[in-house]
Amino acid sequence: MKNQKEIESKLKAWSDSKNSNILQKEKNIIENLIKIRNMDISYYNNKLMQIEIEAEKNKNNIEKWDIIIKSVLNETEYNILYYRFIKKWQWEQIARKLNYSLRQIYVYRKKILDKLQDLL
């Protein structure tokens, strides 16, 4: 029979080897999680940059359209357009705000659409 110390030594070596493998696997898992986390962060950073670029383009387009619309419409027509499509007001609300009848607002609406149709 092998002596007890030799068996204990082999058991310790086996245990150390198992623990070492487990620790190495845990280390690999943690490293992979860090890579995934960093990849996710860079992915979202890239997406955020793309969204910011698109937002800037849209802002520039909106500003251009605003200048064009203001150059084509008079102040009342612009206000009607603003309240209807930016503020999302009902025609009746716009009429009250601008002190016009609903019929007058509809006449303006037709004029606005005719003027803008030429732009589009």
C-alpha atoms as a PDB file:
ATOM      1  CA  MET A   1       0.000   0.000   0.000  1.00  0.00           C
ATOM      2  CA  LYS A   2       1.039   3.477  -0.741  1.00  0.00           C
ATOM      3  CA  ASN A   3       1.648   5.570   2.246  1.00  0.00           C
ATOM      4  CA  GLN A   4      -0.865   8.135   3.350  1.00  0.00           C
ATOM      5  CA  LYS A   5       1.354  11.127   2.568  1.00  0.00           C
ATOM      6  CA  GLU A   6       1.790  10.007  -1.016  1.00  0.00           C
ATOM      7  CA  ILE A   7      -1.983   9.624  -1.467  1.00  0.00           C
ATOM      8  CA  GLU A   8      -2.629  12.983   0.170  1.00  0.00           C
ATOM      9  CA  SER A   9       0.010  14.549  -2.050  1.00  0.00           C
ATOM     10  CA  LYS A  10      -1.624  13.124  -5.174  1.00  0.00           C
ATOM     11  CA  LEU A  11      -5.061  14.208  -3.963  1.00  0.00           C
ATOM     12  CA  LYS A  12      -3.711  17.710  -3.333  1.00  0.00           C
ATOM     13  CA  ALA A  13      -2.120  17.832  -6.778  1.00  0.00           C
ATOM     14  CA  TRP A  14      -5.366  16.610  -8.322  1.00  0.00           C
ATOM     15  CA  SER A  15      -7.339  19.166  -6.295  1.00  0.00           C
ATOM     16  CA  ASP A  16      -4.939  21.963  -7.207  1.00  0.00           C
ATOM     17  CA  SER A  17      -5.166  20.947 -10.833  1.00  0.00           C
ATOM     18  CA  LYS A  18      -9.001  20.939 -10.697  1.00  0.00           C
ATOM     19  CA  ASN A  19      -9.055  24.264  -8.868  1.00  0.00           C
ATOM     20  CA  SER A  20      -6.579  25.681 -11.331  1.00  0.00           C
ATOM     21  CA  ASN A  21      -8.784  24.555 -14.240  1.00  0.00           C
ATOM     22  CA  ILE A  22     -11.861  25.973 -12.547  1.00  0.00           C
ATOM     23  CA  LEU A  23     -10.079  29.243 -11.823  1.00  0.00           C
ATOM     24  CA  GLN A  24      -8.831  29.401 -15.406  1.00  0.00           C
ATOM     25  CA  LYS A  25     -12.364  28.768 -16.707  1.00  0.00           C
ATOM     26  CA  GLU A  26     -13.744  31.445 -14.380  1.00  0.00           C
ATOM     27  CA  LYS A  27     -11.017  33.807 -15.538  1.00  0.00           C
ATOM     28  CA  ASN A  28     -11.884  33.066 -19.190  1.00  0.00           C
ATOM     29  CA  ILE A  29     -15.572  33.636 -18.502  1.00  0.00           C
ATOM     30  CA  ILE A  30     -14.859  36.946 -16.787  1.00  0.00           C
ATOM     31  CA  GLU A  31     -12.539  38.038 -19.622  1.00  0.00           C
ATOM     32  CA  ASN A  32     -15.219  37.119 -22.181  1.00  0.00           C
ATOM     33  CA  LEU A  33     -17.855  39.020 -20.231  1.00  0.00           C
ATOM     34  CA  ILE A  34     -15.588  42.062 -20.152  1.00  0.00           C
ATOM     35  CA  LYS A  35     -15.045  41.753 -23.915  1.00  0.00           C
ATOM     36  CA  ILE A  36     -18.789  41.449 -24.489  1.00  0.00           C
ATOM     37  CA  ARG A  37     -19.469  44.399 -22.201  1.00  0.00           C
ATOM     38  CA  ASN A  38     -16.854  46.508 -23.978  1.00  0.00           C
ATOM     39  CA  MET A  39     -18.185  45.396 -27.333  1.00  0.00           C
ATOM     40  CA  ASP A  40     -21.712  46.317 -26.260  1.00  0.00           C
ATOM     41  CA  ILE A  41     -20.525  49.698 -25.072  1.00  0.00           C
ATOM     42  CA  SER A  42     -18.707  50.390 -28.327  1.00  0.00           C
ATOM     43  CA  TYR A  43     -21.738  49.145 -30.290  1.00  0.00           C
ATOM     44  CA  TYR A  44     -24.020  51.504 -28.408  1.00  0.00           C
ATOM     45  CA  ASN A  45     -21.495  54.331 -28.673  1.00  0.00           C
ATOM     46  CA  ASN A  46     -21.421  53.827 -32.443  1.00  0.00           C
ATOM     47  CA  LYS A  47     -25.220  53.750 -32.577  1.00  0.00           C
ATOM     48  CA  LEU A  48     -25.379  56.896 -30.460  1.00  0.00           C
ATOM     49  CA  MET A  49     -22.944  58.647 -32.789  1.00  0.00           C
ATOM     50  CA  GLN A  50     -25.039  57.618 -35.807  1.00  0.00           C
ATOM     51  CA  ILE A  51     -28.193  58.923 -34.132  1.00  0.00           C
ATOM     52  CA  GLU A  52     -26.468  62.210 -33.264  1.00  0.00           C
ATOM     53  CA  ILE A  53     -25.296  62.610 -36.875  1.00  0.00           C
ATOM     54  CA  GLU A  54     -28.815  61.894 -38.156  1.00  0.00           C
ATOM     55  CA  ALA A  55     -30.293  64.311 -35.621  1.00  0.00           C
ATOM     56  CA  GLU A  56     -27.912  67.039 -36.790  1.00  0.00           C
ATOM     57  CA  LYS A  57     -28.838  66.375 -40.427  1.00  0.00           C
ATOM     58  CA  ASN A  58     -32.536  66.467 -39.530  1.00  0.00           C
ATOM     59  CA  LYS A  59     -32.035  69.677 -37.568  1.00  0.00           C
ATOM     60  CA  ASN A  60     -30.328  71.268 -40.567  1.00  0.00           C
ATOM     61  CA  ASN A  61     -33.113  70.063 -42.871  1.00  0.00           C
ATOM     62  CA  ILE A  62     -35.776  71.387 -40.518  1.00  0.00           C
ATOM     63  CA  GLU A  63     -34.026  74.750 -40.331  1.00  0.00           C
ATOM     64  CA  LYS A  64     -33.796  74.893 -44.145  1.00  0.00           C
ATOM     65  CA  TRP A  65     -37.475  74.005 -44.517  1.00  0.00           C
ATOM     66  CA  ASP A  66     -38.400  76.546 -41.884  1.00  0.00           C
ATOM     67  CA  ILE A  67     -36.570  79.272 -43.823  1.00  0.00           C
ATOM     68  CA  ILE A  68     -38.190  78.190 -47.088  1.00  0.00           C
ATOM     69  CA  ILE A  69     -41.667  78.018 -45.547  1.00  0.00           C
ATOM     70  CA  LYS A  70     -41.252  81.414 -43.886  1.00  0.00           C
ATOM     71  CA  SER A  71     -40.193  82.898 -47.217  1.00  0.00           C
ATOM     72  CA  VAL A  72     -43.325  81.548 -48.952  1.00  0.00           C
ATOM     73  CA  LEU A  73     -45.991  82.060 -46.292  1.00  0.00           C
ATOM     74  CA  ASN A  74     -47.091  85.224 -44.585  1.00  0.00           C
ATOM     75  CA  GLU A  75     -47.105  85.431 -40.802  1.00  0.00           C
ATOM     76  CA  THR A  76     -50.722  84.302 -40.388  1.00  0.00           C
ATOM     77  CA  GLU A  77     -50.265  81.335 -42.718  1.00  0.00           C
ATOM     78  CA  TYR A  78     -47.066  80.351 -40.945  1.00  0.00           C
ATOM     79  CA  ASN A  79     -48.789  80.571 -37.542  1.00  0.00           C
ATOM     80  CA  ILE A  80     -51.648  78.388 -38.754  1.00  0.00           C
ATOM     81  CA  LEU A  81     -49.174  75.827 -40.051  1.00  0.00           C
ATOM     82  CA  TYR A  82     -47.193  76.006 -36.798  1.00  0.00           C
ATOM     83  CA  TYR A  83     -50.204  75.526 -34.534  1.00  0.00           C
ATOM     84  CA  ARG A  84     -51.624  72.728 -36.654  1.00  0.00           C
ATOM     85  CA  PHE A  85     -48.541  70.646 -37.363  1.00  0.00           C
ATOM     86  CA  ILE A  86     -46.066  71.531 -34.631  1.00  0.00           C
ATOM     87  CA  LYS A  87     -48.411  72.114 -31.704  1.00  0.00           C
ATOM     88  CA  LYS A  88     -50.965  69.562 -33.031  1.00  0.00           C
ATOM     89  CA  TRP A  89     -53.912  71.892 -32.370  1.00  0.00           C
ATOM     90  CA  GLN A  90     -57.374  71.354 -33.797  1.00  0.00           C
ATOM     91  CA  TRP A  91     -58.601  73.811 -36.438  1.00  0.00           C
ATOM     92  CA  GLU A  92     -61.118  75.218 -33.960  1.00  0.00           C
ATOM     93  CA  GLN A  93     -58.370  75.979 -31.428  1.00  0.00           C
ATOM     94  CA  ILE A  94     -56.337  77.757 -34.081  1.00  0.00           C
ATOM     95  CA  ALA A  95     -59.338  79.837 -35.129  1.00  0.00           C
ATOM     96  CA  ARG A  96     -59.923  80.933 -31.531  1.00  0.00           C
ATOM     97  CA  LYS A  97     -56.238  81.699 -30.947  1.00  0.00           C
ATOM     98  CA  LEU A  98     -55.916  83.828 -34.091  1.00  0.00           C
ATOM     99  CA  ASN A  99     -59.391  85.393 -33.827  1.00  0.00           C
ATOM    100  CA  TYR A 100     -60.601  83.979 -37.143  1.00  0.00           C
ATOM    101  CA  SER A 101     -63.727  82.050 -38.015  1.00  0.00           C
ATOM    102  CA  LEU A 102     -63.351  78.376 -38.766  1.00  0.00           C
ATOM    103  CA  ARG A 103     -64.309  79.108 -42.378  1.00  0.00           C
ATOM    104  CA  GLN A 104     -61.483  81.663 -42.659  1.00  0.00           C
ATOM    105  CA  ILE A 105     -59.020  79.139 -41.255  1.00  0.00           C
ATOM    106  CA  TYR A 106     -60.100  76.614 -43.918  1.00  0.00           C
ATOM    107  CA  VAL A 107     -59.583  79.243 -46.624  1.00  0.00           C
ATOM    108  CA  TYR A 108     -56.088  79.886 -45.260  1.00  0.00           C
ATOM    109  CA  ARG A 109     -55.461  76.143 -45.128  1.00  0.00           C
ATOM    110  CA  LYS A 110     -56.200  75.826 -48.846  1.00  0.00           C
ATOM    111  CA  LYS A 111     -53.909  78.785 -49.631  1.00  0.00           C
ATOM    112  CA  ILE A 112     -51.135  77.260 -47.525  1.00  0.00           C
ATOM    113  CA  LEU A 113     -51.445  73.877 -49.229  1.00  0.00           C
ATOM    114  CA  ASP A 114     -51.443  75.486 -52.675  1.00  0.00           C
ATOM    115  CA  LYS A 115     -48.289  77.465 -51.879  1.00  0.00           C
ATOM    116  CA  LEU A 116     -46.500  74.492 -50.341  1.00  0.00           C
ATOM    117  CA  GLN A 117     -47.504  72.153 -53.145  1.00  0.00           C
ATOM    118  CA  ASP A 118     -45.371  74.252 -55.479  1.00  0.00           C
ATOM    119  CA  LEU A 119     -42.369  73.615 -53.210  1.00  0.00           C
ATOM    120  CA  LEU A 120     -42.828  69.879 -53.065  1.00  0.00           C
END
